[in-house]
């Protein structure tokens, strides 16, 4: 997922995307533990996507708080 795509989303959409990615991360960890994971690089991709979503959400929240102050 690209950061440009995330910047166009609202905070609610970012929160939904974050929940979806965390659920996928849990499922990937479970698959790895049981030996069923085929693409191990997906764990790294999901972890980085989570970081991107959290970063964009944090900057949006900081920007909206700054405007209201």
PDB file of N, CA and C in Angstrom:
ATOM      1  N   UNK A   1       0.847  -1.174   0.000  1.00  0.00           N
ATOM      2  CA  UNK A   1       0.000   0.000   0.000  1.00  0.00           C
ATOM      3  C   UNK A   1       0.893   1.237   0.000  1.00  0.00           C
ATOM      4  N   UNK A   2       0.558   2.167  -0.851  1.00  0.00           N
ATOM      5  CA  UNK A   2       1.346   3.388  -0.991  1.00  0.00           C
ATOM      6  C   UNK A   2       0.870   4.446  -0.002  1.00  0.00           C
ATOM      7  N   UNK A   3       1.791   5.290   0.431  1.00  0.00           N
ATOM      8  CA  UNK A   3       1.456   6.357   1.362  1.00  0.00           C
ATOM      9  C   UNK A   3       0.509   7.363   0.707  1.00  0.00           C
ATOM     10  N   UNK A   4       0.642   7.566  -0.596  1.00  0.00           N
ATOM     11  CA  UNK A   4      -0.237   8.505  -1.299  1.00  0.00           C
ATOM     12  C   UNK A   4      -1.691   8.040  -1.239  1.00  0.00           C
ATOM     13  N   UNK A   5      -1.914   6.740  -1.328  1.00  0.00           N
ATOM     14  CA  UNK A   5      -3.275   6.197  -1.220  1.00  0.00           C
ATOM     15  C   UNK A   5      -3.830   6.457   0.178  1.00  0.00           C
ATOM     16  N   UNK A   6      -2.990   6.291   1.178  1.00  0.00           N
ATOM     17  CA  UNK A   6      -3.427   6.456   2.558  1.00  0.00           C
ATOM     18  C   UNK A   6      -3.746   7.912   2.880  1.00  0.00           C
ATOM     19  N   UNK A   7      -3.005   8.838   2.305  1.00  0.00           N
ATOM     20  CA  UNK A   7      -3.226  10.256   2.593  1.00  0.00           C
ATOM     21  C   UNK A   7      -4.586  10.727   2.098  1.00  0.00           C
ATOM     22  N   UNK A   8      -5.153  10.045   1.119  1.00  0.00           N
ATOM     23  CA  UNK A   8      -6.464  10.398   0.605  1.00  0.00           C
ATOM     24  C   UNK A   8      -7.621   9.851   1.429  1.00  0.00           C
ATOM     25  N   UNK A   9      -7.317   9.015   2.397  1.00  0.00           N
ATOM     26  CA  UNK A   9      -8.361   8.395   3.220  1.00  0.00           C
ATOM     27  C   UNK A   9      -8.699   9.268   4.420  1.00  0.00           C
ATOM     28  N   UNK A  10      -9.919   9.084   4.936  1.00  0.00           N
ATOM     29  CA  UNK A  10     -10.327   9.780   6.154  1.00  0.00           C
ATOM     30  C   UNK A  10      -9.782   9.011   7.361  1.00  0.00           C
ATOM     31  N   UNK A  11      -9.893   9.605   8.541  1.00  0.00           N
ATOM     32  CA  UNK A  11      -9.406   8.947   9.753  1.00  0.00           C
ATOM     33  C   UNK A  11     -10.163   7.651  10.040  1.00  0.00           C
ATOM     34  N   UNK A  12     -11.469   7.650   9.768  1.00  0.00           N
ATOM     35  CA  UNK A  12     -12.257   6.425   9.982  1.00  0.00           C
ATOM     36  C   UNK A  12     -11.791   5.315   9.050  1.00  0.00           C
ATOM     37  N   UNK A  13     -11.523   5.666   7.811  1.00  0.00           N
ATOM     38  CA  UNK A  13     -11.039   4.673   6.852  1.00  0.00           C
ATOM     39  C   UNK A  13      -9.668   4.154   7.251  1.00  0.00           C
ATOM     40  N   UNK A  14      -8.823   5.038   7.764  1.00  0.00           N
ATOM     41  CA  UNK A  14      -7.498   4.616   8.218  1.00  0.00           C
ATOM     42  C   UNK A  14      -7.603   3.673   9.409  1.00  0.00           C
ATOM     43  N   UNK A  15      -8.519   3.962  10.326  1.00  0.00           N
ATOM     44  CA  UNK A  15      -8.718   3.084  11.482  1.00  0.00           C
ATOM     45  C   UNK A  15      -9.219   1.706  11.036  1.00  0.00           C
ATOM     46  N   UNK A  16     -10.121   1.690  10.058  1.00  0.00           N
ATOM     47  CA  UNK A  16     -10.613   0.415   9.529  1.00  0.00           C
ATOM     48  C   UNK A  16      -9.494  -0.364   8.851  1.00  0.00           C
ATOM     49  N   UNK A  17      -8.688   0.339   8.078  1.00  0.00           N
ATOM     50  CA  UNK A  17      -7.560  -0.295   7.389  1.00  0.00           C
ATOM     51  C   UNK A  17      -6.562  -0.854   8.401  1.00  0.00           C
ATOM     52  N   UNK A  18      -6.329  -0.125   9.474  1.00  0.00           N
ATOM     53  CA  UNK A  18      -5.408  -0.582  10.513  1.00  0.00           C
ATOM     54  C   UNK A  18      -5.926  -1.863  11.167  1.00  0.00           C
ATOM     55  N   UNK A  19      -7.213  -1.897  11.466  1.00  0.00           N
ATOM     56  CA  UNK A  19      -7.800  -3.093  12.068  1.00  0.00           C
ATOM     57  C   UNK A  19      -7.681  -4.289  11.125  1.00  0.00           C
ATOM     58  N   UNK A  20      -7.915  -4.054   9.853  1.00  0.00           N
ATOM     59  CA  UNK A  20      -7.823  -5.120   8.847  1.00  0.00           C
ATOM     60  C   UNK A  20      -6.394  -5.660   8.761  1.00  0.00           C
ATOM     61  N   UNK A  21      -5.425  -4.761   8.759  1.00  0.00           N
ATOM     62  CA  UNK A  21      -4.025  -5.178   8.677  1.00  0.00           C
ATOM     63  C   UNK A  21      -3.578  -5.920   9.926  1.00  0.00           C
ATOM     64  N   UNK A  22      -4.033  -5.474  11.092  1.00  0.00           N
ATOM     65  CA  UNK A  22      -3.666  -6.168  12.340  1.00  0.00           C
ATOM     66  C   UNK A  22      -4.251  -7.580  12.368  1.00  0.00           C
ATOM     67  N   UNK A  23      -5.456  -7.725  11.838  1.00  0.00           N
ATOM     68  CA  UNK A  23      -6.080  -9.050  11.767  1.00  0.00           C
ATOM     69  C   UNK A  23      -5.295  -9.951  10.817  1.00  0.00           C
ATOM     70  N   UNK A  24      -4.881  -9.378   9.675  1.00  0.00           N
ATOM     71  CA  UNK A  24      -4.076 -10.150   8.726  1.00  0.00           C
ATOM     72  C   UNK A  24      -2.741 -10.547   9.348  1.00  0.00           C
ATOM     73  N   UNK A  25      -2.135  -9.629  10.100  1.00  0.00           N
ATOM     74  CA  UNK A  25      -0.868  -9.922  10.760  1.00  0.00           C
ATOM     75  C   UNK A  25      -1.028 -11.077  11.749  1.00  0.00           C
ATOM     76  N   UNK A  26      -2.105 -11.078  12.488  1.00  0.00           N
ATOM     77  CA  UNK A  26      -2.370 -12.169  13.434  1.00  0.00           C
ATOM     78  C   UNK A  26      -2.498 -13.494  12.695  1.00  0.00           C
ATOM     79  N   UNK A  27      -3.257 -13.483  11.602  1.00  0.00           N
ATOM     80  CA  UNK A  27      -3.445 -14.712  10.827  1.00  0.00           C
ATOM     81  C   UNK A  27      -2.126 -15.211  10.232  1.00  0.00           C
ATOM     82  N   UNK A  28      -1.288 -14.291   9.774  1.00  0.00           N
ATOM     83  CA  UNK A  28       0.003 -14.691   9.224  1.00  0.00           C
ATOM     84  C   UNK A  28       0.898 -15.294  10.302  1.00  0.00           C
ATOM     85  N   UNK A  29       0.876 -14.713  11.494  1.00  0.00           N
ATOM     86  CA  UNK A  29       1.666 -15.271  12.600  1.00  0.00           C
ATOM     87  C   UNK A  29       1.188 -16.682  12.942  1.00  0.00           C
ATOM     88  N   UNK A  30      -0.106 -16.856  12.931  1.00  0.00           N
ATOM     89  CA  UNK A  30      -0.681 -18.165  13.241  1.00  0.00           C
ATOM     90  C   UNK A  30      -0.265 -19.176  12.175  1.00  0.00           C
ATOM     91  N   UNK A  31      -0.319 -18.772  10.908  1.00  0.00           N
ATOM     92  CA  UNK A  31       0.090 -19.670   9.819  1.00  0.00           C
ATOM     93  C   UNK A  31       1.568 -20.028   9.927  1.00  0.00           C
ATOM     94  N   UNK A  32       2.399 -19.031  10.291  1.00  0.00           N
ATOM     95  CA  UNK A  32       3.834 -19.298  10.422  1.00  0.00           C
ATOM     96  C   UNK A  32       4.091 -20.295  11.551  1.00  0.00           C
ATOM     97  N   UNK A  33       3.379 -20.145  12.653  1.00  0.00           N
ATOM     98  CA  UNK A  33       3.571 -21.039  13.792  1.00  0.00           C
ATOM     99  C   UNK A  33       3.150 -22.467  13.472  1.00  0.00           C
ATOM    100  N   UNK A  34       2.137 -22.607  12.633  1.00  0.00           N
ATOM    101  CA  UNK A  34       1.655 -23.947  12.297  1.00  0.00           C
ATOM    102  C   UNK A  34       2.338 -24.510  11.051  1.00  0.00           C
ATOM    103  N   UNK A  35       3.251 -23.738  10.453  1.00  0.00           N
ATOM    104  CA  UNK A  35       3.999 -24.238   9.301  1.00  0.00           C
ATOM    105  C   UNK A  35       3.254 -24.175   7.990  1.00  0.00           C
ATOM    106  N   UNK A  36       2.205 -23.377   7.902  1.00  0.00           N
ATOM    107  CA  UNK A  36       1.400 -23.304   6.686  1.00  0.00           C
ATOM    108  C   UNK A  36       1.670 -22.054   5.859  1.00  0.00           C
ATOM    109  N   UNK A  37       2.548 -21.188   6.314  1.00  0.00           N
ATOM    110  CA  UNK A  37       2.809 -19.936   5.624  1.00  0.00           C
ATOM    111  C   UNK A  37       3.731 -20.183   4.432  1.00  0.00           C
ATOM    112  N   UNK A  38       3.275 -19.777   3.245  1.00  0.00           N
ATOM    113  CA  UNK A  38       4.067 -19.977   2.036  1.00  0.00           C
ATOM    114  C   UNK A  38       4.920 -18.756   1.713  1.00  0.00           C
ATOM    115  N   UNK A  39       4.343 -17.564   1.839  1.00  0.00           N
ATOM    116  CA  UNK A  39       5.060 -16.326   1.502  1.00  0.00           C
ATOM    117  C   UNK A  39       5.434 -15.599   2.783  1.00  0.00           C
ATOM    118  N   UNK A  40       6.612 -15.875   3.297  1.00  0.00           N
ATOM    119  CA  UNK A  40       7.030 -15.282   4.557  1.00  0.00           C
ATOM    120  C   UNK A  40       7.273 -13.784   4.434  1.00  0.00           C
ATOM    121  N   UNK A  41       7.533 -13.303   3.241  1.00  0.00           N
ATOM    122  CA  UNK A  41       7.779 -11.869   3.049  1.00  0.00           C
ATOM    123  C   UNK A  41       6.514 -11.044   3.289  1.00  0.00           C
ATOM    124  N   UNK A  42       5.366 -11.677   3.254  1.00  0.00           N
ATOM    125  CA  UNK A  42       4.107 -10.954   3.477  1.00  0.00           C
ATOM    126  C   UNK A  42       4.034 -10.401   4.898  1.00  0.00           C
ATOM    127  N   UNK A  43       4.651 -11.091   5.864  1.00  0.00           N
ATOM    128  CA  UNK A  43       4.660 -10.611   7.247  1.00  0.00           C
ATOM    129  C   UNK A  43       5.344  -9.248   7.314  1.00  0.00           C
ATOM    130  N   UNK A  44       6.464  -9.125   6.632  1.00  0.00           N
ATOM    131  CA  UNK A  44       7.210  -7.866   6.616  1.00  0.00           C
ATOM    132  C   UNK A  44       6.413  -6.765   5.922  1.00  0.00           C
ATOM    133  N   UNK A  45       5.761  -7.098   4.814  1.00  0.00           N
ATOM    134  CA  UNK A  45       4.951  -6.119   4.087  1.00  0.00           C
ATOM    135  C   UNK A  45       3.814  -5.596   4.955  1.00  0.00           C
ATOM    136  N   UNK A  46       3.132  -6.486   5.650  1.00  0.00           N
ATOM    137  CA  UNK A  46       2.002  -6.099   6.490  1.00  0.00           C
ATOM    138  C   UNK A  46       2.486  -5.234   7.649  1.00  0.00           C
ATOM    139  N   UNK A  47       3.616  -5.592   8.243  1.00  0.00           N
ATOM    140  CA  UNK A  47       4.157  -4.804   9.353  1.00  0.00           C
ATOM    141  C   UNK A  47       4.479  -3.382   8.895  1.00  0.00           C
ATOM    142  N   UNK A  48       5.031  -3.241   7.715  1.00  0.00           N
ATOM    143  CA  UNK A  48       5.352  -1.917   7.190  1.00  0.00           C
ATOM    144  C   UNK A  48       4.095  -1.142   6.804  1.00  0.00           C
ATOM    145  N   UNK A  49       3.090  -1.846   6.283  1.00  0.00           N
ATOM    146  CA  UNK A  49       1.819  -1.188   5.965  1.00  0.00           C
ATOM    147  C   UNK A  49       1.160  -0.655   7.236  1.00  0.00           C
ATOM    148  N   UNK A  50       1.233  -1.425   8.318  1.00  0.00           N
ATOM    149  CA  UNK A  50       0.685  -0.980   9.601  1.00  0.00           C
ATOM    150  C   UNK A  50       1.384   0.298  10.042  1.00  0.00           C
ATOM    151  N   UNK A  51       2.699   0.332   9.902  1.00  0.00           N
ATOM    152  CA  UNK A  51       3.459   1.523  10.286  1.00  0.00           C
ATOM    153  C   UNK A  51       3.063   2.727   9.436  1.00  0.00           C
ATOM    154  N   UNK A  52       2.856   2.506   8.129  1.00  0.00           N
ATOM    155  CA  UNK A  52       2.443   3.600   7.246  1.00  0.00           C
ATOM    156  C   UNK A  52       1.088   4.155   7.655  1.00  0.00           C
ATOM    157  N   UNK A  53       0.144   3.263   7.909  1.00  0.00           N
ATOM    158  CA  UNK A  53      -1.197   3.692   8.299  1.00  0.00           C
ATOM    159  C   UNK A  53      -1.140   4.483   9.599  1.00  0.00           C
ATOM    160  N   UNK A  54      -0.380   3.979  10.559  1.00  0.00           N
ATOM    161  CA  UNK A  54      -0.286   4.670  11.844  1.00  0.00           C
ATOM    162  C   UNK A  54       0.374   6.044  11.692  1.00  0.00           C
ATOM    163  N   UNK A  55       1.371   6.141  10.831  1.00  0.00           N
ATOM    164  CA  UNK A  55       2.053   7.413  10.621  1.00  0.00           C
ATOM    165  C   UNK A  55       1.133   8.437   9.975  1.00  0.00           C
ATOM    166  N   UNK A  56       0.407   8.018   8.934  1.00  0.00           N
ATOM    167  CA  UNK A  56      -0.504   8.938   8.246  1.00  0.00           C
ATOM    168  C   UNK A  56      -1.623   9.368   9.191  1.00  0.00           C
ATOM    169  N   UNK A  57      -2.156   8.434   9.970  1.00  0.00           N
ATOM    170  CA  UNK A  57      -3.224   8.760  10.918  1.00  0.00           C
ATOM    171  C   UNK A  57      -2.724   9.739  11.971  1.00  0.00           C
ATOM    172  N   UNK A  58      -1.504   9.529  12.449  1.00  0.00           N
ATOM    173  CA  UNK A  58      -0.941  10.416  13.466  1.00  0.00           C
ATOM    174  C   UNK A  58      -0.768  11.828  12.917  1.00  0.00           C
ATOM    175  N   UNK A  59      -0.275  11.957  11.691  1.00  0.00           N
ATOM    176  CA  UNK A  59      -0.076  13.287  11.110  1.00  0.00           C
ATOM    177  C   UNK A  59      -1.410  13.976  10.848  1.00  0.00           C
ATOM    178  N   UNK A  60      -2.426  13.208  10.433  1.00  0.00           N
ATOM    179  CA  UNK A  60      -3.749  13.806  10.228  1.00  0.00           C
ATOM    180  C   UNK A  60      -4.345  14.282  11.541  1.00  0.00           C
ATOM    181  N   UNK A  61      -4.193  13.470  12.581  1.00  0.00           N
ATOM    182  CA  UNK A  61      -4.721  13.875  13.890  1.00  0.00           C
ATOM    183  C   UNK A  61      -3.990  15.103  14.413  1.00  0.00           C
ATOM    184  N   UNK A  62      -2.693  15.160  14.223  1.00  0.00           N
ATOM    185  CA  UNK A  62      -1.914  16.295  14.671  1.00  0.00           C
ATOM    186  C   UNK A  62      -2.294  17.542  13.864  1.00  0.00           C
ATOM    187  N   UNK A  63      -2.543  17.369  12.593  1.00  0.00           N
ATOM    188  CA  UNK A  63      -2.940  18.493  11.751  1.00  0.00           C
ATOM    189  C   UNK A  63      -4.301  19.029  12.114  1.00  0.00           C
ATOM    190  N   UNK A  64      -5.245  18.144  12.436  1.00  0.00           N
ATOM    191  CA  UNK A  64      -6.580  18.613  12.801  1.00  0.00           C
ATOM    192  C   UNK A  64      -6.563  19.253  14.189  1.00  0.00           C
ATOM    193  N   UNK A  65      -5.716  18.775  15.084  1.00  0.00           N
ATOM    194  CA  UNK A  65      -5.613  19.369  16.416  1.00  0.00           C
ATOM    195  C   UNK A  65      -4.963  20.744  16.335  1.00  0.00           C
ATOM    196  N   UNK A  66      -4.046  20.893  15.426  1.00  0.00           N
ATOM    197  CA  UNK A  66      -3.354  22.166  15.264  1.00  0.00           C
ATOM    198  C   UNK A  66      -4.292  23.227  14.677  1.00  0.00           C
ATOM    199  N   UNK A  67      -5.176  22.805  13.771  1.00  0.00           N
ATOM    200  CA  UNK A  67      -6.128  23.740  13.153  1.00  0.00           C
ATOM    201  C   UNK A  67      -7.140  24.244  14.162  1.00  0.00           C
ATOM    202  N   UNK A  68      -7.551  23.362  15.081  1.00  0.00           N
ATOM    203  CA  UNK A  68      -8.577  23.760  16.052  1.00  0.00           C
ATOM    204  C   UNK A  68      -8.002  24.616  17.195  1.00  0.00           C
ATOM    205  N   UNK A  69      -6.707  24.588  17.357  1.00  0.00           N
ATOM    206  CA  UNK A  69      -6.091  25.346  18.467  1.00  0.00           C
ATOM    207  C   UNK A  69      -5.852  26.800  18.117  1.00  0.00           C
TER     208      UNK A  69
END
